[in-house]
PDB file of all heavy atoms in Angstrom:
ATOM      1  N   GLN A   1      -5.546   0.888   3.582  1.00  0.00           N
ATOM      2  CA  GLN A   1      -4.351   0.038   3.716  1.00  0.00           C
ATOM      3  C   GLN A   1      -4.844  -1.406   3.544  1.00  0.00           C
ATOM      4  O   GLN A   1      -5.691  -1.837   4.322  1.00  0.00           O
ATOM      5  CB  GLN A   1      -3.657   0.278   5.037  1.00  0.00           C
ATOM      6  CG  GLN A   1      -2.418  -0.617   5.190  1.00  0.00           C
ATOM      7  CD  GLN A   1      -1.692  -0.288   6.501  1.00  0.00           C
ATOM      8  OE1 GLN A   1      -1.181   0.843   6.686  1.00  0.00           O
ATOM      9  NE2 GLN A   1      -1.559  -1.275   7.427  1.00  0.00           N
ATOM     10  N   VAL A   2      -4.259  -2.141   2.642  1.00  0.00           N
ATOM     11  CA  VAL A   2      -4.800  -3.524   2.414  1.00  0.00           C
ATOM     12  C   VAL A   2      -3.739  -4.579   2.731  1.00  0.00           C
ATOM     13  O   VAL A   2      -4.186  -5.778   2.803  1.00  0.00           O
ATOM     14  CB  VAL A   2      -5.215  -3.616   0.913  1.00  0.00           C
ATOM     15  CG1 VAL A   2      -6.323  -2.708   0.577  1.00  0.00           C
ATOM     16  CG2 VAL A   2      -3.989  -3.329  -0.045  1.00  0.00           C
ATOM     17  N   VAL A   3      -2.550  -4.246   2.915  1.00  0.00           N
ATOM     18  CA  VAL A   3      -1.494  -5.292   3.220  1.00  0.00           C
ATOM     19  C   VAL A   3      -0.563  -4.672   4.241  1.00  0.00           C
ATOM     20  O   VAL A   3      -0.140  -3.532   4.146  1.00  0.00           O
ATOM     21  CB  VAL A   3      -0.716  -5.707   1.971  1.00  0.00           C
ATOM     22  CG1 VAL A   3       0.490  -6.548   2.340  1.00  0.00           C
ATOM     23  CG2 VAL A   3      -1.599  -6.530   1.005  1.00  0.00           C
ATOM     24  N   ALA A   4      -0.135  -5.497   5.206  1.00  0.00           N
ATOM     25  CA  ALA A   4       0.863  -5.100   6.177  1.00  0.00           C
ATOM     26  C   ALA A   4       1.689  -6.356   6.508  1.00  0.00           C
ATOM     27  O   ALA A   4       1.231  -7.197   7.204  1.00  0.00           O
ATOM     28  CB  ALA A   4       0.269  -4.516   7.430  1.00  0.00           C
ATOM     29  N   THR A   5       2.899  -6.457   5.965  1.00  0.00           N
ATOM     30  CA  THR A   5       3.757  -7.591   6.140  1.00  0.00           C
ATOM     31  C   THR A   5       5.185  -7.043   6.515  1.00  0.00           C
ATOM     32  O   THR A   5       5.419  -5.860   6.619  1.00  0.00           O
ATOM     33  CB  THR A   5       3.846  -8.436   4.920  1.00  0.00           C
ATOM     34  OG1 THR A   5       4.565  -7.740   3.902  1.00  0.00           O
ATOM     35  CG2 THR A   5       2.499  -8.821   4.396  1.00  0.00           C
ATOM     36  N   ALA A   6       6.079  -8.007   6.748  1.00  0.00           N
ATOM     37  CA  ALA A   6       7.456  -7.664   7.025  1.00  0.00           C
ATOM     38  C   ALA A   6       8.065  -6.886   5.870  1.00  0.00           C
ATOM     39  O   ALA A   6       9.037  -6.093   6.033  1.00  0.00           O
ATOM     40  CB  ALA A   6       8.293  -8.869   7.340  1.00  0.00           C
ATOM     41  N   GLY A   7       7.508  -7.073   4.648  1.00  0.00           N
ATOM     42  CA  GLY A   7       7.983  -6.414   3.485  1.00  0.00           C
ATOM     43  C   GLY A   7       7.469  -5.014   3.346  1.00  0.00           C
ATOM     44  O   GLY A   7       7.872  -4.271   2.337  1.00  0.00           O
ATOM     45  N   GLY A   8       6.593  -4.604   4.197  1.00  0.00           N
ATOM     46  CA  GLY A   8       6.039  -3.225   4.132  1.00  0.00           C
ATOM     47  C   GLY A   8       4.498  -3.245   3.988  1.00  0.00           C
ATOM     48  O   GLY A   8       3.841  -4.247   3.958  1.00  0.00           O
ATOM     49  N   LYS A   9       3.959  -2.020   4.013  1.00  0.00           N
ATOM     50  CA  LYS A   9       2.515  -1.818   3.946  1.00  0.00           C
ATOM     51  C   LYS A   9       2.162  -1.347   2.532  1.00  0.00           C
ATOM     52  O   LYS A   9       2.892  -0.592   1.897  1.00  0.00           O
ATOM     53  CB  LYS A   9       2.099  -0.787   4.956  1.00  0.00           C
ATOM     54  CG  LYS A   9       2.278  -1.177   6.390  1.00  0.00           C
ATOM     55  CD  LYS A   9       1.930  -0.080   7.377  1.00  0.00           C
ATOM     56  CE  LYS A   9       2.928   1.028   7.401  1.00  0.00           C
ATOM     57  NZ  LYS A   9       2.657   2.026   8.448  1.00  0.00           N
ATOM     58  N   ILE A  10       0.957  -1.751   2.049  1.00  0.00           N
ATOM     59  CA  ILE A  10       0.423  -1.352   0.814  1.00  0.00           C
ATOM     60  C   ILE A  10      -0.836  -0.559   1.037  1.00  0.00           C
ATOM     61  O   ILE A  10      -1.769  -1.135   1.620  1.00  0.00           O
ATOM     62  CB  ILE A  10       0.143  -2.521  -0.183  1.00  0.00           C
ATOM     63  CG1 ILE A  10       1.463  -3.301  -0.426  1.00  0.00           C
ATOM     64  CG2 ILE A  10      -0.420  -2.004  -1.479  1.00  0.00           C
ATOM     65  CD1 ILE A  10       1.290  -4.531  -1.295  1.00  0.00           C
ATOM     66  N   ARG A  11      -0.917   0.691   0.569  1.00  0.00           N
ATOM     67  CA  ARG A  11      -2.072   1.495   0.697  1.00  0.00           C
ATOM     68  C   ARG A  11      -2.582   1.823  -0.730  1.00  0.00           C
ATOM     69  O   ARG A  11      -1.820   2.133  -1.590  1.00  0.00           O
ATOM     70  CB  ARG A  11      -1.730   2.774   1.466  1.00  0.00           C
ATOM     71  CG  ARG A  11      -2.949   3.600   1.904  1.00  0.00           C
ATOM     72  CD  ARG A  11      -2.456   4.786   2.766  1.00  0.00           C
ATOM     73  NE  ARG A  11      -1.848   4.327   3.959  1.00  0.00           N
ATOM     74  CZ  ARG A  11      -0.969   5.020   4.673  1.00  0.00           C
ATOM     75  NH1 ARG A  11      -0.649   6.234   4.286  1.00  0.00           N
ATOM     76  NH2 ARG A  11      -0.436   4.516   5.789  1.00  0.00           N
ATOM     77  N   LEU A  12      -3.869   1.676  -0.909  1.00  0.00           N
ATOM     78  CA  LEU A  12      -4.462   1.897  -2.239  1.00  0.00           C
ATOM     79  C   LEU A  12      -5.521   2.974  -2.238  1.00  0.00           C
ATOM     80  O   LEU A  12      -6.204   3.217  -1.216  1.00  0.00           O
ATOM     81  CB  LEU A  12      -5.103   0.629  -2.738  1.00  0.00           C
ATOM     82  CG  LEU A  12      -4.226  -0.669  -2.765  1.00  0.00           C
ATOM     83  CD1 LEU A  12      -5.081  -1.812  -3.224  1.00  0.00           C
ATOM     84  CD2 LEU A  12      -3.059  -0.503  -3.722  1.00  0.00           C
ATOM     85  N   ASN A  13      -5.698   3.597  -3.384  1.00  0.00           N
ATOM     86  CA  ASN A  13      -6.863   4.451  -3.629  1.00  0.00           C
ATOM     87  C   ASN A  13      -7.640   3.832  -4.837  1.00  0.00           C
ATOM     88  O   ASN A  13      -7.109   3.865  -5.964  1.00  0.00           O
ATOM     89  CB  ASN A  13      -6.472   5.898  -3.907  1.00  0.00           C
ATOM     90  CG  ASN A  13      -7.675   6.761  -4.224  1.00  0.00           C
ATOM     91  OD1 ASN A  13      -8.826   6.415  -3.928  1.00  0.00           O
ATOM     92  ND2 ASN A  13      -7.431   7.941  -4.799  1.00  0.00           N
ATOM     93  N   VAL A  14      -8.772   3.298  -4.540  1.00  0.00           N
ATOM     94  CA  VAL A  14      -9.622   2.694  -5.631  1.00  0.00           C
ATOM     95  C   VAL A  14     -10.910   3.378  -5.630  1.00  0.00           C
ATOM     96  O   VAL A  14     -11.635   3.429  -4.603  1.00  0.00           O
ATOM     97  CB  VAL A  14      -9.777   1.156  -5.358  1.00  0.00           C
ATOM     98  CG1 VAL A  14     -10.637   0.589  -6.487  1.00  0.00           C
ATOM     99  CG2 VAL A  14      -8.479   0.447  -5.294  1.00  0.00           C
ATOM    100  N   GLN A  15     -11.287   3.913  -6.751  1.00  0.00           N
ATOM    101  CA  GLN A  15     -12.551   4.667  -6.885  1.00  0.00           C
ATOM    102  C   GLN A  15     -13.351   4.087  -8.051  1.00  0.00           C
ATOM    103  O   GLN A  15     -12.841   3.991  -9.187  1.00  0.00           O
ATOM    104  CB  GLN A  15     -12.340   6.157  -7.129  1.00  0.00           C
ATOM    105  CG  GLN A  15     -11.531   6.834  -6.076  1.00  0.00           C
ATOM    106  CD  GLN A  15     -12.232   6.897  -4.734  1.00  0.00           C
ATOM    107  OE1 GLN A  15     -13.498   6.860  -4.679  1.00  0.00           O
ATOM    108  NE2 GLN A  15     -11.533   6.998  -3.589  1.00  0.00           N
ATOM    109  N   ALA A  16     -14.577   3.587  -7.721  1.00  0.00           N
ATOM    110  CA  ALA A  16     -15.467   3.017  -8.754  1.00  0.00           C
ATOM    111  C   ALA A  16     -14.775   1.893  -9.549  1.00  0.00           C
ATOM    112  O   ALA A  16     -14.882   1.813 -10.777  1.00  0.00           O
ATOM    113  CB  ALA A  16     -15.995   4.079  -9.717  1.00  0.00           C
ATOM    114  N   GLY A  17     -13.969   1.060  -8.859  1.00  0.00           N
ATOM    115  CA  GLY A  17     -13.325  -0.048  -9.460  1.00  0.00           C
ATOM    116  C   GLY A  17     -12.011   0.300 -10.234  1.00  0.00           C
ATOM    117  O   GLY A  17     -11.319  -0.587 -10.681  1.00  0.00           O
ATOM    118  N   GLN A  18     -11.650   1.578 -10.232  1.00  0.00           N
ATOM    119  CA  GLN A  18     -10.392   2.005 -10.884  1.00  0.00           C
ATOM    120  C   GLN A  18      -9.306   2.242  -9.822  1.00  0.00           C
ATOM    121  O   GLN A  18      -9.531   2.923  -8.871  1.00  0.00           O
ATOM    122  CB  GLN A  18     -10.659   3.291 -11.671  1.00  0.00           C
ATOM    123  CG  GLN A  18     -11.588   3.102 -12.870  1.00  0.00           C
ATOM    124  CD  GLN A  18     -11.004   2.203 -13.871  1.00  0.00           C
ATOM    125  OE1 GLN A  18      -9.943   2.410 -14.432  1.00  0.00           O
ATOM    126  NE2 GLN A  18     -11.761   1.142 -14.200  1.00  0.00           N
ATOM    127  N   LEU A  19      -8.154   1.697 -10.148  1.00  0.00           N
ATOM    128  CA  LEU A  19      -6.999   1.889  -9.200  1.00  0.00           C
ATOM    129  C   LEU A  19      -6.371   3.329  -9.558  1.00  0.00           C
ATOM    130  O   LEU A  19      -5.813   3.489 -10.635  1.00  0.00           O
ATOM    131  CB  LEU A  19      -5.936   0.784  -9.448  1.00  0.00           C
ATOM    132  CG  LEU A  19      -4.673   0.930  -8.644  1.00  0.00           C
ATOM    133  CD1 LEU A  19      -4.958   0.944  -7.105  1.00  0.00           C
ATOM    134  CD2 LEU A  19      -3.662  -0.140  -8.981  1.00  0.00           C
ATOM    135  N   MET A  20      -6.483   4.169  -8.573  1.00  0.00           N
ATOM    136  CA  MET A  20      -5.977   5.542  -8.790  1.00  0.00           C
ATOM    137  C   MET A  20      -4.495   5.728  -8.369  1.00  0.00           C
ATOM    138  O   MET A  20      -3.834   6.628  -8.791  1.00  0.00           O
ATOM    139  CB  MET A  20      -6.870   6.579  -8.037  1.00  0.00           C
ATOM    140  CG  MET A  20      -8.346   6.508  -8.424  1.00  0.00           C
ATOM    141  SD  MET A  20      -8.566   6.678 -10.223  1.00  0.00           S
ATOM    142  CE  MET A  20      -7.837   8.266 -10.507  1.00  0.00           C
ATOM    143  N   GLY A  21      -4.059   4.846  -7.503  1.00  0.00           N
ATOM    144  CA  GLY A  21      -2.652   4.959  -7.040  1.00  0.00           C
ATOM    145  C   GLY A  21      -2.363   3.980  -5.951  1.00  0.00           C
ATOM    146  O   GLY A  21      -3.218   3.413  -5.278  1.00  0.00           O
ATOM    147  N   ILE A  22      -0.975   3.706  -5.772  1.00  0.00           N
ATOM    148  CA  ILE A  22      -0.505   2.762  -4.766  1.00  0.00           C
ATOM    149  C   ILE A  22       0.547   3.467  -3.951  1.00  0.00           C
ATOM    150  O   ILE A  22       1.404   4.182  -4.502  1.00  0.00           O
ATOM    151  CB  ILE A  22       0.129   1.554  -5.445  1.00  0.00           C
ATOM    152  CG1 ILE A  22      -0.858   0.851  -6.367  1.00  0.00           C
ATOM    153  CG2 ILE A  22       0.708   0.565  -4.421  1.00  0.00           C
ATOM    154  CD1 ILE A  22      -0.196  -0.271  -7.235  1.00  0.00           C
ATOM    155  N   ALA A  23       0.530   3.252  -2.646  1.00  0.00           N
ATOM    156  CA  ALA A  23       1.615   3.677  -1.805  1.00  0.00           C
ATOM    157  C   ALA A  23       2.204   2.400  -1.207  1.00  0.00           C
ATOM    158  O   ALA A  23       1.566   1.666  -0.509  1.00  0.00           O
ATOM    159  CB  ALA A  23       1.106   4.592  -0.716  1.00  0.00           C
ATOM    160  N   ASP A  24       3.545   2.223  -1.513  1.00  0.00           N
ATOM    161  CA  ASP A  24       4.259   1.134  -0.949  1.00  0.00           C
ATOM    162  C   ASP A  24       5.154   1.664   0.122  1.00  0.00           C
ATOM    163  O   ASP A  24       6.015   2.500  -0.165  1.00  0.00           O
ATOM    164  CB  ASP A  24       5.078   0.447  -2.030  1.00  0.00           C
ATOM    165  CG  ASP A  24       5.637  -0.920  -1.631  1.00  0.00           C
ATOM    166  OD1 ASP A  24       5.176  -1.433  -0.621  1.00  0.00           O
ATOM    167  OD2 ASP A  24       6.439  -1.510  -2.398  1.00  0.00           O
ATOM    168  N   ILE A  25       4.880   1.321   1.398  1.00  0.00           N
ATOM    169  CA  ILE A  25       5.567   1.937   2.528  1.00  0.00           C
ATOM    170  C   ILE A  25       6.356   0.904   3.354  1.00  0.00           C
ATOM    171  O   ILE A  25       5.793  -0.111   3.708  1.00  0.00           O
ATOM    172  CB  ILE A  25       4.536   2.586   3.461  1.00  0.00           C
ATOM    173  CG1 ILE A  25       3.609   3.525   2.680  1.00  0.00           C
ATOM    174  CG2 ILE A  25       5.194   3.359   4.623  1.00  0.00           C
ATOM    175  CD1 ILE A  25       2.338   3.873   3.377  1.00  0.00           C
ATOM    176  N   VAL A  26       7.627   1.183   3.544  1.00  0.00           N
ATOM    177  CA  VAL A  26       8.485   0.225   4.294  1.00  0.00           C
ATOM    178  C   VAL A  26       9.261   0.963   5.330  1.00  0.00           C
ATOM    179  O   VAL A  26       9.750   2.105   5.114  1.00  0.00           O
ATOM    180  CB  VAL A  26       9.407  -0.498   3.301  1.00  0.00           C
ATOM    181  CG1 VAL A  26      10.355   0.492   2.585  1.00  0.00           C
ATOM    182  CG2 VAL A  26      10.226  -1.569   3.986  1.00  0.00           C
ATOM    183  N   PRO A  27       9.382   0.349   6.550  1.00  0.00           N
ATOM    184  CA  PRO A  27      10.239   0.904   7.588  1.00  0.00           C
ATOM    185  C   PRO A  27      11.708   1.041   7.156  1.00  0.00           C
ATOM    186  O   PRO A  27      12.232   0.116   6.466  1.00  0.00           O
ATOM    187  CB  PRO A  27      10.062  -0.007   8.763  1.00  0.00           C
ATOM    188  CG  PRO A  27       8.829  -0.748   8.485  1.00  0.00           C
ATOM    189  CD  PRO A  27       8.729  -0.853   7.026  1.00  0.00           C
ATOM    190  N   MET A  28      12.338   2.092   7.462  1.00  0.00           N
ATOM    191  CA  MET A  28      13.787   2.261   7.090  1.00  0.00           C
ATOM    192  C   MET A  28      14.621   1.119   7.708  1.00  0.00           C
ATOM    193  O   MET A  28      15.581   0.656   7.093  1.00  0.00           O
ATOM    194  CB  MET A  28      14.299   3.630   7.541  1.00  0.00           C
ATOM    195  CG  MET A  28      13.571   4.782   6.892  1.00  0.00           C
ATOM    196  SD  MET A  28      13.793   4.838   5.093  1.00  0.00           S
ATOM    197  CE  MET A  28      15.467   5.492   4.988  1.00  0.00           C
ATOM    198  N   SER A  29      14.166   0.711   8.863  1.00  0.00           N
ATOM    199  CA  SER A  29      14.929  -0.382   9.546  1.00  0.00           C
ATOM    200  C   SER A  29      14.887  -1.646   8.759  1.00  0.00           C
ATOM    201  O   SER A  29      15.816  -2.504   8.760  1.00  0.00           O
ATOM    202  CB  SER A  29      14.314  -0.631  10.943  1.00  0.00           C
ATOM    203  OG  SER A  29      12.987  -0.966  10.876  1.00  0.00           O
ATOM    204  N   ALA A  30      13.762  -1.911   8.018  1.00  0.00           N
ATOM    205  CA  ALA A  30      13.615  -3.147   7.220  1.00  0.00           C
ATOM    206  C   ALA A  30      14.639  -3.188   6.094  1.00  0.00           C
ATOM    207  O   ALA A  30      15.018  -4.285   5.649  1.00  0.00           O
ATOM    208  CB  ALA A  30      12.209  -3.269   6.631  1.00  0.00           C
TER     209      ALA A  30
END
């Protein structure tokens, strides 16, 4: 997890410098 703000959390999977995927997670309340 690399970012956590009021706009939500960003979780990444990076392997050997390659971005394999992004998870953008936000509370339903937001």
